[in-house]
Protein backbone atom coordinates (compact mmCIF):
# COMPACT_ATOMS: atom_id res chain seq x y z
CA MET A 1 -56.15 -17.32 -31.70
CA LYS A 2 -54.06 -20.41 -31.22
CA LYS A 3 -50.76 -18.12 -32.07
CA ASN A 4 -51.74 -15.39 -29.85
CA ILE A 5 -52.14 -17.67 -26.86
CA ILE A 6 -48.62 -18.96 -27.93
CA TYR A 7 -47.04 -15.48 -28.34
CA VAL A 8 -48.52 -14.27 -24.79
CA LEU A 9 -47.41 -17.49 -23.32
CA PHE A 10 -43.66 -16.75 -24.76
CA CYS A 11 -43.52 -13.24 -23.46
CA PHE A 12 -44.93 -14.62 -19.79
CA LEU A 13 -42.21 -17.06 -19.67
CA ALA A 14 -39.63 -14.74 -21.11
CA PHE A 15 -40.80 -12.29 -18.23
CA VAL A 16 -40.51 -14.90 -15.96
CA SER A 17 -37.14 -15.83 -16.86
CA ALA A 18 -35.92 -12.25 -16.53
CA CYS A 19 -37.06 -11.74 -13.15
CA GLY A 20 -35.54 -14.94 -12.27
CA VAL A 21 -32.17 -13.63 -13.10
CA ASP A 22 -30.35 -13.08 -9.83
CA ASP A 23 -29.46 -8.96 -9.55
CA ASN A 24 -26.35 -9.92 -7.40
CA SER A 25 -24.89 -12.35 -9.60
CA ASP A 26 -22.28 -10.41 -10.54
CA SER A 27 -21.24 -9.64 -6.91
CA GLN A 28 -20.22 -12.93 -6.37
CA PRO A 29 -16.33 -13.51 -6.52
CA THR A 30 -14.98 -14.07 -9.82
CA ASP A 31 -11.96 -15.86 -8.67
CA SER A 32 -11.52 -19.01 -6.72
CA TYR A 33 -10.01 -17.41 -3.40
CA ASP A 34 -11.88 -18.36 -0.39
CA ARG A 35 -13.18 -15.07 1.07
CA GLY A 36 -15.33 -16.63 3.67
CA ALA A 37 -11.88 -17.90 5.31
CA LEU A 38 -10.40 -14.82 4.77
CA LEU A 39 -13.17 -13.15 6.39
CA LEU A 40 -13.23 -15.69 9.40
CA ASN A 41 -9.32 -15.11 9.86
CA TRP A 42 -10.13 -11.40 10.18
CA ALA A 43 -12.98 -11.38 12.53
CA ASP A 44 -12.02 -14.56 14.94
CA ASN A 45 -8.44 -13.76 14.84
CA ILE A 46 -7.65 -10.14 14.62
CA ILE A 47 -10.78 -7.72 15.04
CA ILE A 48 -12.64 -9.36 17.94
CA PRO A 49 -9.49 -10.37 19.72
CA GLY A 50 -8.40 -6.75 19.26
CA TYR A 51 -11.17 -5.12 20.54
CA ALA A 52 -11.22 -7.35 23.49
CA ASN A 53 -7.58 -6.69 24.54
CA LEU A 54 -8.33 -2.72 24.04
CA SER A 55 -11.50 -3.18 26.42
CA GLN A 56 -9.08 -5.15 29.03
CA LYS A 57 -6.78 -2.34 28.66
CA LEU A 58 -9.60 0.45 29.15
CA ASN A 59 -10.52 -1.64 32.17
CA VAL A 60 -7.38 -1.23 33.84
CA LEU A 61 -7.28 2.50 32.85
CA GLU A 62 -11.05 3.02 34.48
CA ILE A 63 -9.54 1.09 37.84
CA ALA A 64 -6.63 3.50 37.79
CA SER A 65 -8.79 6.65 36.99
CA GLU A 66 -10.95 5.65 40.24
CA ASP A 67 -7.83 5.47 42.30
CA PHE A 68 -6.31 8.51 41.13
CA THR A 69 -9.57 10.64 41.38
CA GLN A 70 -9.84 9.43 44.92
CA VAL A 71 -6.42 9.74 46.27
CA PRO A 72 -4.63 12.06 43.65
CA ALA A 73 -0.98 11.70 44.32
CA VAL A 74 2.47 11.14 42.66
CA GLU A 75 2.05 7.33 42.62
CA SER A 76 -1.41 7.23 41.65
CA LEU A 77 -0.76 9.97 38.71
CA GLU A 78 1.94 7.67 37.48
CA VAL A 79 -0.13 4.60 37.31
CA ILE A 80 -2.90 6.36 35.49
CA ARG A 81 -0.43 7.44 32.96
CA ASN A 82 1.13 3.99 32.30
CA THR A 83 -2.48 2.53 32.04
CA TRP A 84 -3.39 5.09 29.48
CA LEU A 85 -0.49 4.48 27.39
CA GLU A 86 -1.09 0.94 27.45
CA ALA A 87 -4.60 1.34 26.46
CA TYR A 88 -3.57 3.77 23.60
CA LYS A 89 -1.26 1.04 22.21
CA ALA A 90 -4.03 -1.21 22.15
CA PHE A 91 -6.14 1.69 20.41
CA GLN A 92 -3.89 1.36 17.28
CA LYS A 93 -4.16 -2.15 16.60
CA ILE A 94 -7.67 -1.80 16.10
CA SER A 95 -8.14 1.97 14.62
CA MET A 96 -8.51 0.71 11.15
CA PHE A 97 -11.56 -1.29 11.42
CA GLU A 98 -14.23 1.20 11.16
CA ILE A 99 -16.72 -1.01 10.14
CA GLY A 100 -20.25 -2.31 11.45
CA ARG A 101 -21.16 -0.46 14.76
CA ALA A 102 -17.62 1.32 15.05
CA GLU A 103 -18.65 2.99 11.66
CA THR A 104 -21.99 4.10 13.22
CA LEU A 105 -20.44 5.29 16.53
CA ASN A 106 -17.62 7.10 14.75
CA TYR A 107 -15.73 5.31 16.79
CA ARG A 108 -12.10 6.31 15.77
CA ASN A 109 -12.81 9.93 16.18
CA ARG A 110 -14.67 9.70 19.41
CA LEU A 111 -11.39 7.84 20.72
CA ASN A 112 -8.59 9.59 18.67
CA VAL A 113 -9.41 13.22 17.19
CA TYR A 114 -6.03 15.43 17.60
CA PRO A 115 -5.34 17.91 18.35
CA THR A 116 -7.71 17.87 21.39
CA ASN A 117 -9.50 21.25 22.01
CA ALA A 118 -7.96 22.16 25.61
CA GLN A 119 -9.80 25.46 25.48
CA GLU A 120 -12.96 23.87 25.36
CA ILE A 121 -12.28 21.05 27.86
CA ASP A 122 -11.10 24.09 30.11
CA GLY A 123 -14.53 25.73 29.35
CA TYR A 124 -16.49 22.55 30.49
CA ILE A 125 -14.73 21.68 33.63
CA SER A 126 -14.80 25.52 34.85
CA SER A 127 -18.85 25.57 34.28
CA ASN A 128 -18.99 21.92 35.46
CA THR A 129 -21.48 21.21 32.32
CA TRP A 130 -20.60 18.73 29.16
CA ASN A 131 -22.25 16.16 27.45
CA LEU A 132 -19.84 13.75 25.38
CA GLU A 133 -22.68 12.43 23.58
CA LEU A 134 -22.81 15.44 21.20
CA PRO A 135 -20.96 15.59 17.91
CA SER A 136 -19.42 19.08 18.94
CA THR A 137 -17.37 17.62 21.65
CA ILE A 138 -15.49 15.02 19.61
CA ASP A 139 -12.59 17.27 19.72
CA SER A 140 -12.70 17.43 23.58
CA GLN A 141 -12.93 13.66 24.34
CA GLY A 142 -10.83 10.28 23.95
CA PHE A 143 -7.06 9.47 24.50
CA PRO A 144 -5.89 12.93 23.40
CA ALA A 145 -8.02 14.72 26.07
CA ILE A 146 -6.89 12.32 28.62
CA ASP A 147 -3.46 13.16 27.40
CA TYR A 148 -4.27 17.00 28.05
CA LEU A 149 -5.62 16.19 31.61
CA LEU A 150 -2.47 14.00 32.69
CA TYR A 151 0.17 15.91 31.03
CA GLY A 152 -0.76 19.40 29.90
CA LEU A 153 -1.86 20.93 33.35
CA GLY A 154 1.61 21.93 34.13
CA THR A 155 4.21 19.89 36.14
CA ASP A 156 3.33 16.95 38.25
CA GLN A 157 2.55 19.09 41.34
CA GLU A 158 0.38 21.42 39.45
CA THR A 159 -1.23 18.77 37.77
CA LEU A 160 -1.92 17.14 41.44
CA ASP A 161 -3.17 20.75 42.35
CA LYS A 162 -5.66 20.80 39.85
CA TYR A 163 -7.40 17.41 41.24
CA THR A 164 -6.97 18.51 45.03
CA THR A 165 -6.80 22.03 45.59
CA ASP A 166 -8.27 24.08 42.69
CA GLU A 167 -11.70 25.32 42.82
CA ASN A 168 -12.74 23.06 40.15
CA ALA A 169 -10.93 19.94 41.61
CA SER A 170 -14.37 18.07 41.56
CA SER A 171 -15.01 18.64 37.75
CA TYR A 172 -11.46 17.83 36.85
CA LYS A 173 -12.31 14.28 38.38
CA MET A 174 -15.62 13.84 36.97
CA TYR A 175 -14.20 14.75 33.67
CA LEU A 176 -11.57 12.46 33.23
CA LEU A 177 -13.87 9.62 34.77
CA ASP A 178 -16.40 10.38 32.12
CA LEU A 179 -13.90 10.41 29.47
CA VAL A 180 -12.62 6.94 30.23
CA THR A 181 -16.01 5.51 31.10
CA THR A 182 -17.08 6.78 27.27
CA MET A 183 -14.27 5.12 25.79
CA GLN A 184 -14.76 1.76 27.46
CA THR A 185 -18.79 2.09 26.82
CA LEU A 186 -18.22 2.95 23.07
CA THR A 187 -15.77 -0.10 22.95
CA ASN A 188 -18.05 -2.67 24.60
CA GLU A 189 -20.67 -1.60 22.38
CA VAL A 190 -18.84 -2.50 19.22
CA ILE A 191 -17.69 -5.89 20.92
CA PHE A 192 -21.54 -6.45 21.74
CA ASP A 193 -22.69 -6.23 18.19
CA TRP A 194 -19.63 -8.36 16.81
CA GLN A 195 -20.65 -11.04 19.25
CA ASN A 196 -24.64 -10.63 18.97
CA GLY A 197 -24.86 -11.31 15.07
CA TYR A 198 -22.62 -9.05 13.27
CA ARG A 199 -20.03 -11.61 13.12
CA GLU A 200 -22.24 -13.93 11.36
CA THR A 201 -23.41 -11.39 8.78
CA TYR A 202 -19.85 -10.41 8.28
CA ILE A 203 -17.97 -13.90 7.44
CA THR A 204 -20.80 -14.75 5.24
CA ASN A 205 -21.11 -11.68 2.95
CA ILE A 206 -18.21 -12.70 0.41
CA SER A 207 -19.94 -10.67 -2.16
CA SER A 208 -17.37 -8.79 -4.27
CA SER A 209 -19.62 -5.74 -4.47
CA ALA A 210 -19.41 -2.51 -2.70
CA SER A 211 -21.74 -4.26 0.02
CA GLY A 212 -19.45 -7.12 0.59
CA ALA A 213 -17.40 -7.66 3.89
CA VAL A 214 -14.12 -7.73 1.86
CA ASP A 215 -14.71 -4.73 -0.20
CA GLN A 216 -16.05 -2.83 3.09
CA THR A 217 -12.85 -4.14 5.43
CA VAL A 218 -10.37 -3.12 2.35
CA ASN A 219 -11.66 0.22 2.30
CA ALA A 220 -11.92 0.92 5.94
CA PHE A 221 -8.04 -0.35 5.99
CA MET A 222 -7.22 1.93 3.30
CA TYR A 223 -8.77 5.05 4.47
CA TYR A 224 -7.19 4.25 7.81
CA TYR A 225 -3.58 4.02 6.34
CA GLU A 226 -3.84 7.01 3.81
CA LYS A 227 -5.82 9.29 6.04
CA ALA A 228 -5.43 8.51 9.91
CA LEU A 229 -1.69 6.87 9.45
CA ARG A 230 0.28 8.27 6.59
CA ALA A 231 -1.55 11.92 7.20
CA GLY A 232 -2.67 12.22 10.42
CA LYS A 233 0.26 11.20 12.47
CA VAL A 234 3.13 12.15 9.87
CA GLY A 235 1.81 14.32 6.88
CA ILE A 236 -0.10 16.91 8.69
CA PRO A 237 2.36 17.81 11.37
CA ALA A 238 5.04 17.62 8.82
CA GLY A 239 3.09 20.27 6.81
CA VAL A 240 2.40 18.44 3.86
CA PHE A 241 -0.80 19.76 3.06
CA SER A 242 -0.15 23.01 4.72
CA GLY A 243 3.09 24.36 3.58
CA SER A 244 3.99 24.78 7.12
CA THR A 245 4.94 22.55 9.89
CA LEU A 246 2.11 22.01 12.64
CA PRO A 247 3.99 20.64 15.32
CA GLN A 248 0.84 21.12 17.78
CA ASN A 249 -1.03 18.61 15.55
CA VAL A 250 1.24 15.62 16.80
CA GLU A 251 -0.47 12.61 18.24
CA SER A 252 0.14 12.58 21.95
CA TYR A 253 0.93 16.70 22.12
CA TYR A 254 1.17 16.87 25.77
CA ASN A 255 3.18 13.69 26.54
CA GLN A 256 5.42 14.33 23.37
CA PHE A 257 7.76 11.47 23.79
CA VAL A 258 5.55 8.69 22.75
CA SER A 259 4.02 10.11 19.22
CA LYS A 260 7.00 7.68 17.53
CA LEU A 261 5.75 4.69 19.60
CA LEU A 262 2.24 5.14 18.72
CA LEU A 263 3.05 5.38 15.05
CA THR A 264 5.29 2.34 15.30
CA GLN A 265 2.31 0.34 16.77
CA ALA A 266 -0.02 1.63 14.13
CA LEU A 267 2.37 0.56 11.22
CA SER A 268 2.89 -2.77 12.92
CA ALA A 269 -0.77 -3.13 13.19
CA THR A 270 -1.08 -2.35 9.70
CA VAL A 271 1.74 -4.67 8.59
CA GLY A 272 -0.01 -7.75 10.80
CA PHE A 273 -3.24 -7.15 8.88
CA PHE A 274 -1.85 -7.09 5.46
CA ASN A 275 -0.31 -10.42 6.37
CA GLY A 276 -3.32 -11.91 8.22
CA GLU A 277 -1.34 -12.23 11.62
CA GLY A 278 -3.58 -12.79 14.97
CA ALA A 279 -4.02 -10.14 17.25
CA THR A 280 -2.10 -12.00 19.89
CA ALA A 281 0.04 -15.23 20.30
CA ASP A 282 -3.46 -16.95 21.26
CA PHE A 283 -4.91 -16.09 18.18
CA PRO A 284 -2.88 -17.70 15.03
CA SER A 285 -3.61 -16.81 11.56
CA ASN A 286 -5.11 -19.45 9.56
CA GLY A 287 -3.10 -18.19 6.69
CA PHE A 288 -5.72 -16.21 4.61
CA SER A 289 -4.59 -12.67 4.16
CA LEU A 290 -4.46 -9.59 1.58
CA ASN A 291 -0.99 -11.24 1.43
CA SER A 292 -2.17 -14.78 0.28
CA TYR A 293 -5.11 -13.13 -1.65
CA LEU A 294 -2.54 -11.30 -4.01
CA ASN A 295 -0.28 -14.43 -4.14
CA ALA A 296 -3.06 -16.69 -5.17
CA LEU A 297 -4.18 -14.37 -8.15
CA ASN A 298 -0.16 -14.30 -9.26
CA THR A 299 -0.18 -10.49 -8.93
CA VAL A 300 3.22 -9.05 -10.33
CA LYS A 301 4.16 -5.67 -10.77
CA ASN A 302 7.50 -4.80 -12.67
CA GLY A 303 8.50 -8.57 -12.61
CA SER A 304 7.96 -8.81 -9.03
CA ASP A 305 5.13 -10.20 -6.62
CA LEU A 306 2.97 -7.40 -5.59
CA SER A 307 2.73 -8.73 -2.04
CA SER A 308 6.70 -8.66 -1.48
CA LEU A 309 6.98 -5.25 -2.99
CA ILE A 310 4.00 -4.06 -0.31
CA ASN A 311 5.95 -5.82 2.56
CA ASP A 312 9.50 -4.49 1.46
CA GLN A 313 7.91 -0.94 1.36
CA PHE A 314 6.42 -1.34 4.92
CA GLN A 315 10.24 -2.32 5.72
CA VAL A 316 11.59 0.98 4.19
CA ALA A 317 9.09 2.84 5.98
CA PHE A 318 10.00 1.24 9.47
CA SER A 319 13.65 2.36 8.79
CA LYS A 320 12.56 5.74 8.09
CA ILE A 321 10.57 5.83 11.42
CA GLU A 322 13.61 4.77 13.31
CA LEU A 323 15.60 7.50 12.28
CA LEU A 324 12.97 9.97 13.99
CA ASP A 325 12.96 11.71 17.48
CA ASP A 326 10.59 10.00 19.98
CA ASN A 327 9.09 13.49 20.24
CA PHE A 328 7.67 14.57 17.08
CA THR A 329 6.99 17.99 18.12
CA GLU A 330 11.01 18.60 18.57
CA GLN A 331 11.58 16.55 14.98
CA VAL A 332 9.30 18.67 13.07
CA THR A 333 10.58 21.81 14.39
CA ASN A 334 14.10 21.12 14.09
CA ASP A 335 14.83 18.63 11.48
CA ASN A 336 11.46 17.92 9.41
CA ILE A 337 13.03 17.00 6.43
CA LYS A 338 13.06 13.20 8.09
CA MET A 339 9.49 13.63 8.81
CA LEU A 340 8.85 14.31 4.82
CA GLU A 341 11.18 11.43 4.31
CA THR A 342 8.85 9.02 6.39
CA TYR A 343 5.85 10.58 4.67
CA ASP A 344 7.10 9.98 1.38
CA GLU A 345 7.84 6.23 2.14
CA LEU A 346 4.57 5.71 3.73
CA GLN A 347 3.16 7.22 0.52
CA ARG A 348 4.72 4.71 -1.62
CA ASN A 349 2.61 1.93 -0.57
CA VAL A 350 -0.56 4.10 -0.95
CA ILE A 351 0.16 3.44 -4.58
CA LEU A 352 0.96 -0.05 -4.55
CA MET A 353 -2.13 -0.90 -2.48
CA LYS A 354 -4.71 1.73 -3.03
CA VAL A 355 -4.06 1.32 -6.89
CA ASP A 356 -2.32 -1.94 -7.93
CA MET A 357 -3.92 -4.15 -4.88
CA LEU A 358 -7.38 -2.87 -5.29
CA GLN A 359 -7.23 -3.37 -8.90
CA ALA A 360 -6.00 -6.81 -8.59
CA LEU A 361 -8.96 -7.70 -6.22
CA SER A 362 -11.34 -5.99 -8.08
CA ILE A 363 -12.20 -3.48 -5.22
CA ASP A 364 -13.67 0.08 -5.86
CA VAL A 365 -12.40 2.84 -3.75
CA ASN A 366 -15.79 4.06 -1.70
CA TYR A 367 -14.22 7.28 -0.17
CA ILE A 368 -13.45 10.41 -1.39
CA ASP A 369 -9.96 11.33 -2.02
CA ALA A 370 -9.35 15.05 -1.74
CA ASP A 371 -5.55 15.60 -1.00
CA GLY A 372 -4.23 15.04 -4.29
CA ASP A 373 -2.93 11.36 -3.96
């Protein structure tokens, strides 16, 4: 009897001990790098200030839109075009952060799916009926849709006529205002989420598992670089995936002279994030970044620091971009070799970051890669 009691007690203690094992223990960082400080830098110096800057630019665009729709004229058209571009540039700085509320809202697609569906927009305006909350309208809103309404309706005078004498002038005005308001509303939703709980959740989630904030952020960053920047801005228009050029698929198709500028802004933001640089001079880096993380791990490839190889390759990509025409439609039509060369140099960093960097950081890719990279 005594032996039976001892046996039962032993089994009970073994069961309790097993239950007491932390199922998430293997998700704790296995290196000594301060992931909390890294997340703090990303949140407070890069992401939140970046969204705040975009919100401010969108507010200026909203005012310009109201002024233009109230008094459509050459002067107000020029103002709204300028403010649209400034907001578009600011968007390039935060487009990579599809995490938290931004992911839930499908934020990047709501603001920047291109090419925009001009035919669908025309249909909404002629019927005076639309609902930008519907997923089916994603390709008819955001910056590309505004690009069409400001640059794609003809000459300056023909554009003004659409907002003044056209039978659907009131619908043109309302659709334009609705586009800008929606962009501002979505941006403010993301900011509100960061400022009301998500920041604290984010900077304390130092787990090295797929649900950890570092893993999520880096995966969002890699997906953006590979799919939105490398493929979307360069590869798709250059025909890398289709076998023939698609000039109509460039970013900012109607104002064709800013595609290069937007690409440069996007790559600059990518480099800034990799090196942990603050969104503005008012938000200096605390020194924690993917760059410093790799250095702390002494990550070497072919005898060179991986961080240096990545930064050097960024500069090679910049040098190729510099050779491109401001007008990407003209570039892919007349000299697509330079676009393909740019794509190739951007692709080299996909390998260095997606394979070598993620392996060093023990981060698994959490998105599906279907284009043969």
